[in-house]
Amino acid sequence: MSHDMPMPMPNHTMDGMSMMHMTFFWGKNVDILFDGWPNGKLGMYILALVVLFVVAVAIEFLAYFSAVKTRASPIISGLAHASVYGLRMALAYLVMLAVMSYNIGVFICVVVGHAFGYFLVKYRAALKGKDDLV
């Protein structure tokens, strides 16, 4: 094989493929996590935003679970906490990937979901009279 021959370059045309945005944009025409979802339909876009909001709230609740003391044996308690931590990290990474779609609606729903979840966790702790509200 001669090293003097140029290597063929791959075809860089984007026939049938969508380009990923590299700046924030507003609109329902976005792919979130999966190719073709929410498919540019307004109803599916709103459903995706609601799902991301709920997942962001759930992440905050799962973060609170790690502070809850269980009365089980140390091994069972450790496995339960590790499982919840793994689930929380998986959900957090999925939300991070959704935000990387650079859609402003996705970004706003995720931030508001995290803030609302944090508020609910701290409000619930305040109602129970806990001192660790920080």
N, C-alpha and C. Protein backbone atom coordinates (compact mmCIF):
# COMPACT_ATOMS: atom_id res chain seq x y z
N MET A 1 0.84 -1.18 0.00
CA MET A 1 0.00 0.00 0.00
C MET A 1 0.88 1.24 0.00
N SER A 2 0.64 2.11 -0.92
CA SER A 2 1.42 3.33 -1.06
C SER A 2 0.83 4.41 -0.16
N HIS A 3 1.68 5.18 0.46
CA HIS A 3 1.23 6.27 1.31
C HIS A 3 1.03 7.56 0.53
N ASP A 4 1.30 7.52 -0.77
CA ASP A 4 1.16 8.71 -1.60
C ASP A 4 -0.27 8.92 -2.08
N MET A 5 -1.11 7.91 -1.98
CA MET A 5 -2.48 8.03 -2.48
C MET A 5 -3.36 8.69 -1.44
N PRO A 6 -4.16 9.65 -1.86
CA PRO A 6 -5.04 10.32 -0.89
C PRO A 6 -6.16 9.37 -0.44
N MET A 7 -6.53 9.50 0.80
CA MET A 7 -7.63 8.71 1.35
C MET A 7 -8.95 9.31 0.89
N PRO A 8 -9.91 8.47 0.54
CA PRO A 8 -11.20 9.02 0.15
C PRO A 8 -11.89 9.64 1.37
N MET A 9 -12.44 10.82 1.18
CA MET A 9 -13.12 11.53 2.25
C MET A 9 -14.59 11.09 2.30
N PRO A 10 -15.13 10.94 3.49
CA PRO A 10 -16.54 10.56 3.58
C PRO A 10 -17.44 11.69 3.10
N ASN A 11 -18.62 11.32 2.69
CA ASN A 11 -19.59 12.29 2.22
C ASN A 11 -20.16 13.04 3.41
N HIS A 12 -19.94 14.35 3.47
CA HIS A 12 -20.38 15.15 4.61
C HIS A 12 -21.73 15.83 4.37
N THR A 13 -22.46 15.39 3.39
CA THR A 13 -23.78 15.98 3.18
C THR A 13 -24.72 15.43 4.23
N MET A 14 -25.70 16.21 4.58
CA MET A 14 -26.63 15.84 5.64
C MET A 14 -27.98 15.44 5.04
N ASP A 15 -27.97 14.63 4.00
CA ASP A 15 -29.20 14.20 3.36
C ASP A 15 -30.04 13.38 4.33
N GLY A 16 -31.21 13.88 4.65
CA GLY A 16 -32.13 13.15 5.51
C GLY A 16 -31.80 13.22 6.99
N MET A 17 -30.75 13.95 7.36
CA MET A 17 -30.38 14.06 8.77
C MET A 17 -30.54 15.50 9.21
N SER A 18 -30.94 15.69 10.47
CA SER A 18 -31.09 17.05 10.98
C SER A 18 -29.81 17.49 11.66
N MET A 19 -29.52 18.75 11.53
CA MET A 19 -28.35 19.32 12.18
C MET A 19 -28.70 19.66 13.62
N MET A 20 -27.75 19.48 14.51
CA MET A 20 -27.95 19.82 15.91
C MET A 20 -27.67 21.30 16.12
N HIS A 21 -28.54 21.95 16.88
CA HIS A 21 -28.31 23.37 17.19
C HIS A 21 -27.15 23.50 18.14
N MET A 22 -26.36 24.54 17.96
CA MET A 22 -25.23 24.80 18.84
C MET A 22 -25.42 26.09 19.62
N THR A 23 -26.60 26.70 19.50
CA THR A 23 -26.97 27.88 20.28
C THR A 23 -28.40 27.69 20.74
N PHE A 24 -28.79 28.43 21.78
CA PHE A 24 -30.16 28.32 22.27
C PHE A 24 -31.15 28.80 21.20
N PHE A 25 -32.27 28.10 21.12
CA PHE A 25 -33.33 28.47 20.18
C PHE A 25 -34.68 28.15 20.81
N TRP A 26 -35.70 28.76 20.29
CA TRP A 26 -37.05 28.56 20.79
C TRP A 26 -37.86 27.90 19.69
N GLY A 27 -38.60 26.86 20.02
CA GLY A 27 -39.47 26.23 19.04
C GLY A 27 -39.74 24.78 19.38
N LYS A 28 -40.76 24.24 18.74
CA LYS A 28 -41.18 22.86 19.00
C LYS A 28 -40.47 21.86 18.11
N ASN A 29 -39.74 22.32 17.13
CA ASN A 29 -39.02 21.42 16.22
C ASN A 29 -37.65 21.09 16.79
N VAL A 30 -37.63 20.11 17.68
CA VAL A 30 -36.41 19.73 18.38
C VAL A 30 -36.43 18.22 18.61
N ASP A 31 -35.27 17.62 18.63
CA ASP A 31 -35.15 16.21 19.02
C ASP A 31 -34.63 16.18 20.45
N ILE A 32 -35.40 15.56 21.34
CA ILE A 32 -35.03 15.47 22.75
C ILE A 32 -34.76 14.00 23.08
N LEU A 33 -33.53 13.69 23.37
CA LEU A 33 -33.07 12.36 23.79
C LEU A 33 -33.12 11.30 22.69
N PHE A 34 -34.19 11.24 21.91
CA PHE A 34 -34.34 10.21 20.89
C PHE A 34 -34.59 10.86 19.54
N ASP A 35 -34.07 10.25 18.49
CA ASP A 35 -34.25 10.78 17.15
C ASP A 35 -35.74 10.77 16.79
N GLY A 36 -36.25 11.92 16.42
CA GLY A 36 -37.64 12.01 16.00
C GLY A 36 -38.62 12.23 17.13
N TRP A 37 -38.15 12.43 18.36
CA TRP A 37 -39.08 12.68 19.47
C TRP A 37 -38.82 14.06 20.01
N PRO A 38 -39.77 14.90 20.06
CA PRO A 38 -41.22 14.77 19.97
C PRO A 38 -41.82 14.94 18.59
N ASN A 39 -41.06 14.85 17.55
CA ASN A 39 -41.55 14.75 16.18
C ASN A 39 -42.15 16.05 15.64
N GLY A 40 -41.84 17.19 16.24
CA GLY A 40 -42.30 18.48 15.73
C GLY A 40 -43.76 18.78 15.96
N LYS A 41 -44.46 17.93 16.69
CA LYS A 41 -45.88 18.16 16.99
C LYS A 41 -45.99 18.90 18.32
N LEU A 42 -46.83 19.90 18.39
CA LEU A 42 -46.96 20.74 19.57
C LEU A 42 -47.36 19.93 20.80
N GLY A 43 -48.33 19.03 20.65
CA GLY A 43 -48.77 18.22 21.78
C GLY A 43 -47.67 17.34 22.34
N MET A 44 -46.89 16.75 21.46
CA MET A 44 -45.77 15.90 21.91
C MET A 44 -44.66 16.74 22.54
N TYR A 45 -44.46 17.94 22.02
CA TYR A 45 -43.47 18.85 22.60
C TYR A 45 -43.87 19.23 24.02
N ILE A 46 -45.14 19.57 24.22
CA ILE A 46 -45.63 19.91 25.55
C ILE A 46 -45.52 18.71 26.47
N LEU A 47 -45.85 17.52 25.99
CA LEU A 47 -45.70 16.30 26.79
C LEU A 47 -44.24 16.09 27.19
N ALA A 48 -43.32 16.32 26.27
CA ALA A 48 -41.89 16.18 26.58
C ALA A 48 -41.46 17.17 27.66
N LEU A 49 -41.97 18.41 27.59
CA LEU A 49 -41.64 19.41 28.61
C LEU A 49 -42.20 19.00 29.97
N VAL A 50 -43.41 18.46 29.99
CA VAL A 50 -44.01 18.02 31.26
C VAL A 50 -43.22 16.85 31.83
N VAL A 51 -42.83 15.91 30.99
CA VAL A 51 -42.04 14.76 31.45
C VAL A 51 -40.71 15.24 32.03
N LEU A 52 -40.04 16.17 31.37
CA LEU A 52 -38.77 16.67 31.87
C LEU A 52 -38.95 17.43 33.18
N PHE A 53 -40.04 18.17 33.32
CA PHE A 53 -40.35 18.86 34.57
C PHE A 53 -40.51 17.86 35.71
N VAL A 54 -41.29 16.81 35.47
CA VAL A 54 -41.54 15.79 36.50
C VAL A 54 -40.25 15.06 36.86
N VAL A 55 -39.43 14.75 35.87
CA VAL A 55 -38.16 14.07 36.14
C VAL A 55 -37.24 14.97 36.97
N ALA A 56 -37.21 16.27 36.68
CA ALA A 56 -36.38 17.19 37.46
C ALA A 56 -36.87 17.25 38.91
N VAL A 57 -38.18 17.28 39.11
CA VAL A 57 -38.73 17.26 40.48
C VAL A 57 -38.35 15.95 41.17
N ALA A 58 -38.45 14.84 40.45
CA ALA A 58 -38.11 13.52 41.02
C ALA A 58 -36.65 13.45 41.43
N ILE A 59 -35.76 14.08 40.67
CA ILE A 59 -34.34 14.09 41.02
C ILE A 59 -34.13 14.75 42.37
N GLU A 60 -34.85 15.84 42.62
CA GLU A 60 -34.72 16.53 43.91
C GLU A 60 -35.27 15.67 45.05
N PHE A 61 -36.37 14.96 44.82
CA PHE A 61 -36.89 14.07 45.85
C PHE A 61 -35.94 12.92 46.12
N LEU A 62 -35.32 12.39 45.08
CA LEU A 62 -34.35 11.31 45.27
C LEU A 62 -33.11 11.79 46.01
N ALA A 63 -32.74 13.05 45.84
CA ALA A 63 -31.61 13.60 46.58
C ALA A 63 -31.94 13.67 48.06
N TYR A 64 -33.19 13.95 48.38
CA TYR A 64 -33.62 13.99 49.78
C TYR A 64 -33.59 12.60 50.40
N PHE A 65 -33.89 11.58 49.60
CA PHE A 65 -33.94 10.21 50.12
C PHE A 65 -32.59 9.78 50.70
N SER A 66 -31.51 10.29 50.13
CA SER A 66 -30.20 9.89 50.62
C SER A 66 -29.94 10.40 52.03
N ALA A 67 -30.69 11.44 52.46
CA ALA A 67 -30.53 11.97 53.81
C ALA A 67 -31.43 11.25 54.82
N VAL A 68 -32.34 10.41 54.35
CA VAL A 68 -33.27 9.71 55.23
C VAL A 68 -32.55 8.51 55.84
N LYS A 69 -32.69 8.38 57.13
CA LYS A 69 -32.08 7.24 57.83
C LYS A 69 -33.04 6.07 57.82
N THR A 70 -32.55 4.90 57.43
CA THR A 70 -33.38 3.71 57.43
C THR A 70 -33.04 2.87 58.66
N ARG A 71 -33.99 2.10 59.11
CA ARG A 71 -33.80 1.28 60.30
C ARG A 71 -33.39 -0.15 59.95
N ALA A 72 -33.10 -0.38 58.71
CA ALA A 72 -32.70 -1.72 58.26
C ALA A 72 -31.23 -1.95 58.59
N SER A 73 -30.77 -3.14 58.29
CA SER A 73 -29.36 -3.48 58.53
C SER A 73 -28.48 -2.59 57.65
N PRO A 74 -27.22 -2.43 58.02
CA PRO A 74 -26.33 -1.57 57.24
C PRO A 74 -26.19 -2.00 55.78
N ILE A 75 -26.19 -3.29 55.52
CA ILE A 75 -26.05 -3.76 54.13
C ILE A 75 -27.30 -3.42 53.32
N ILE A 76 -28.47 -3.70 53.88
CA ILE A 76 -29.71 -3.37 53.17
C ILE A 76 -29.83 -1.87 52.98
N SER A 77 -29.50 -1.11 54.01
CA SER A 77 -29.55 0.34 53.93
C SER A 77 -28.58 0.86 52.86
N GLY A 78 -27.37 0.31 52.86
CA GLY A 78 -26.38 0.73 51.87
C GLY A 78 -26.80 0.40 50.45
N LEU A 79 -27.37 -0.78 50.25
CA LEU A 79 -27.86 -1.15 48.92
C LEU A 79 -29.02 -0.26 48.47
N ALA A 80 -29.91 0.06 49.40
CA ALA A 80 -31.04 0.94 49.06
C ALA A 80 -30.54 2.32 48.67
N HIS A 81 -29.61 2.86 49.45
CA HIS A 81 -29.08 4.19 49.14
C HIS A 81 -28.29 4.18 47.83
N ALA A 82 -27.52 3.14 47.59
CA ALA A 82 -26.76 3.04 46.34
C ALA A 82 -27.69 2.92 45.14
N SER A 83 -28.76 2.17 45.29
CA SER A 83 -29.73 2.03 44.20
C SER A 83 -30.41 3.35 43.89
N VAL A 84 -30.82 4.06 44.93
CA VAL A 84 -31.47 5.36 44.73
C VAL A 84 -30.48 6.35 44.11
N TYR A 85 -29.23 6.31 44.56
CA TYR A 85 -28.21 7.19 44.00
C TYR A 85 -27.99 6.88 42.51
N GLY A 86 -27.93 5.61 42.17
CA GLY A 86 -27.76 5.23 40.77
C GLY A 86 -28.92 5.70 39.91
N LEU A 87 -30.14 5.55 40.41
CA LEU A 87 -31.32 6.03 39.68
C LEU A 87 -31.29 7.54 39.52
N ARG A 88 -30.92 8.24 40.61
CA ARG A 88 -30.86 9.71 40.56
C ARG A 88 -29.82 10.17 39.55
N MET A 89 -28.65 9.51 39.50
CA MET A 89 -27.62 9.90 38.54
C MET A 89 -28.06 9.61 37.11
N ALA A 90 -28.71 8.47 36.89
CA ALA A 90 -29.20 8.14 35.54
C ALA A 90 -30.21 9.19 35.07
N LEU A 91 -31.13 9.56 35.94
CA LEU A 91 -32.12 10.58 35.57
C LEU A 91 -31.46 11.94 35.36
N ALA A 92 -30.49 12.27 36.19
CA ALA A 92 -29.80 13.56 36.05
C ALA A 92 -29.04 13.63 34.73
N TYR A 93 -28.39 12.54 34.33
CA TYR A 93 -27.68 12.55 33.06
C TYR A 93 -28.65 12.63 31.87
N LEU A 94 -29.80 11.97 31.97
CA LEU A 94 -30.80 12.09 30.90
C LEU A 94 -31.31 13.52 30.79
N VAL A 95 -31.55 14.16 31.93
CA VAL A 95 -31.98 15.56 31.90
C VAL A 95 -30.88 16.45 31.32
N MET A 96 -29.63 16.18 31.68
CA MET A 96 -28.52 16.95 31.13
C MET A 96 -28.47 16.81 29.61
N LEU A 97 -28.66 15.59 29.12
CA LEU A 97 -28.66 15.39 27.67
C LEU A 97 -29.83 16.10 27.00
N ALA A 98 -30.98 16.14 27.67
CA ALA A 98 -32.13 16.87 27.12
C ALA A 98 -31.84 18.36 27.04
N VAL A 99 -31.20 18.91 28.07
CA VAL A 99 -30.85 20.33 28.05
C VAL A 99 -29.86 20.62 26.94
N MET A 100 -29.03 19.65 26.60
CA MET A 100 -28.05 19.84 25.53
C MET A 100 -28.69 19.92 24.14
N SER A 101 -30.02 19.81 24.07
CA SER A 101 -30.71 20.07 22.82
C SER A 101 -30.74 21.56 22.52
N TYR A 102 -30.35 22.39 23.50
CA TYR A 102 -30.29 23.85 23.39
C TYR A 102 -31.65 24.49 23.13
N ASN A 103 -32.72 23.80 23.50
CA ASN A 103 -34.05 24.37 23.35
C ASN A 103 -34.38 25.15 24.61
N ILE A 104 -34.81 26.39 24.46
CA ILE A 104 -35.08 27.25 25.60
C ILE A 104 -36.23 26.70 26.45
N GLY A 105 -37.25 26.14 25.81
CA GLY A 105 -38.36 25.57 26.55
C GLY A 105 -37.92 24.42 27.43
N VAL A 106 -37.05 23.56 26.91
CA VAL A 106 -36.51 22.44 27.69
C VAL A 106 -35.70 22.97 28.86
N PHE A 107 -34.84 23.94 28.61
CA PHE A 107 -34.01 24.52 29.65
C PHE A 107 -34.86 25.12 30.77
N ILE A 108 -35.86 25.90 30.42
CA ILE A 108 -36.72 26.54 31.41
C ILE A 108 -37.47 25.49 32.23
N CYS A 109 -38.05 24.49 31.58
CA CYS A 109 -38.80 23.46 32.31
C CYS A 109 -37.92 22.67 33.27
N VAL A 110 -36.69 22.38 32.87
CA VAL A 110 -35.78 21.64 33.74
C VAL A 110 -35.38 22.49 34.95
N VAL A 111 -35.02 23.75 34.72
CA VAL A 111 -34.61 24.61 35.83
C VAL A 111 -35.77 24.84 36.79
N VAL A 112 -36.95 25.12 36.25
CA VAL A 112 -38.12 25.33 37.11
C VAL A 112 -38.48 24.03 37.84
N GLY A 113 -38.35 22.90 37.20
CA GLY A 113 -38.62 21.62 37.84
C GLY A 113 -37.68 21.35 39.00
N HIS A 114 -36.38 21.62 38.80
CA HIS A 114 -35.42 21.45 39.90
C HIS A 114 -35.74 22.40 41.05
N ALA A 115 -36.03 23.65 40.73
CA ALA A 115 -36.33 24.63 41.78
C ALA A 115 -37.61 24.26 42.53
N PHE A 116 -38.63 23.84 41.81
CA PHE A 116 -39.89 23.45 42.44
C PHE A 116 -39.70 22.21 43.30
N GLY A 117 -38.95 21.24 42.81
CA GLY A 117 -38.67 20.05 43.60
C GLY A 117 -37.89 20.37 44.86
N TYR A 118 -36.91 21.25 44.76
CA TYR A 118 -36.13 21.67 45.91
C TYR A 118 -37.04 22.37 46.93
N PHE A 119 -37.92 23.25 46.42
CA PHE A 119 -38.87 23.94 47.30
C PHE A 119 -39.77 22.94 48.03
N LEU A 120 -40.30 21.96 47.30
CA LEU A 120 -41.19 20.98 47.93
C LEU A 120 -40.48 20.17 49.00
N VAL A 121 -39.25 19.77 48.74
CA VAL A 121 -38.49 19.00 49.72
C VAL A 121 -38.22 19.84 50.97
N LYS A 122 -37.79 21.07 50.80
CA LYS A 122 -37.49 21.93 51.94
C LYS A 122 -38.76 22.35 52.68
N TYR A 123 -39.86 22.57 51.96
CA TYR A 123 -41.13 22.92 52.59
C TYR A 123 -41.65 21.75 53.42
N ARG A 124 -41.51 20.56 52.88
CA ARG A 124 -41.94 19.36 53.62
C ARG A 124 -41.09 19.18 54.88
N ALA A 125 -39.79 19.43 54.76
CA ALA A 125 -38.91 19.33 55.93
C ALA A 125 -39.27 20.40 56.96
N ALA A 126 -39.63 21.59 56.52
CA ALA A 126 -40.01 22.67 57.44
C ALA A 126 -41.32 22.31 58.17
N LEU A 127 -42.23 21.68 57.46
CA LEU A 127 -43.49 21.29 58.10
C LEU A 127 -43.27 20.23 59.18
N LYS A 128 -42.26 19.40 58.96
CA LYS A 128 -41.95 18.35 59.95
C LYS A 128 -41.12 18.89 61.09
N GLY A 129 -40.68 20.17 61.00
CA GLY A 129 -39.93 20.79 62.07
C GLY A 129 -38.47 20.42 62.10
N LYS A 130 -37.92 20.04 60.97
CA LYS A 130 -36.49 19.68 60.94
C LYS A 130 -35.66 20.95 60.96
N ASP A 131 -34.47 20.84 61.52
CA ASP A 131 -33.57 21.99 61.60
C ASP A 131 -32.62 22.09 60.42
N ASP A 132 -32.50 21.02 59.62
CA ASP A 132 -31.53 21.00 58.51
C ASP A 132 -32.16 21.52 57.23
N LEU A 133 -32.54 22.78 57.20
CA LEU A 133 -33.19 23.35 56.03
C LEU A 133 -32.19 23.94 55.04
N VAL A 134 -30.93 23.80 55.28
CA VAL A 134 -29.93 24.40 54.37
C VAL A 134 -29.56 23.43 53.30
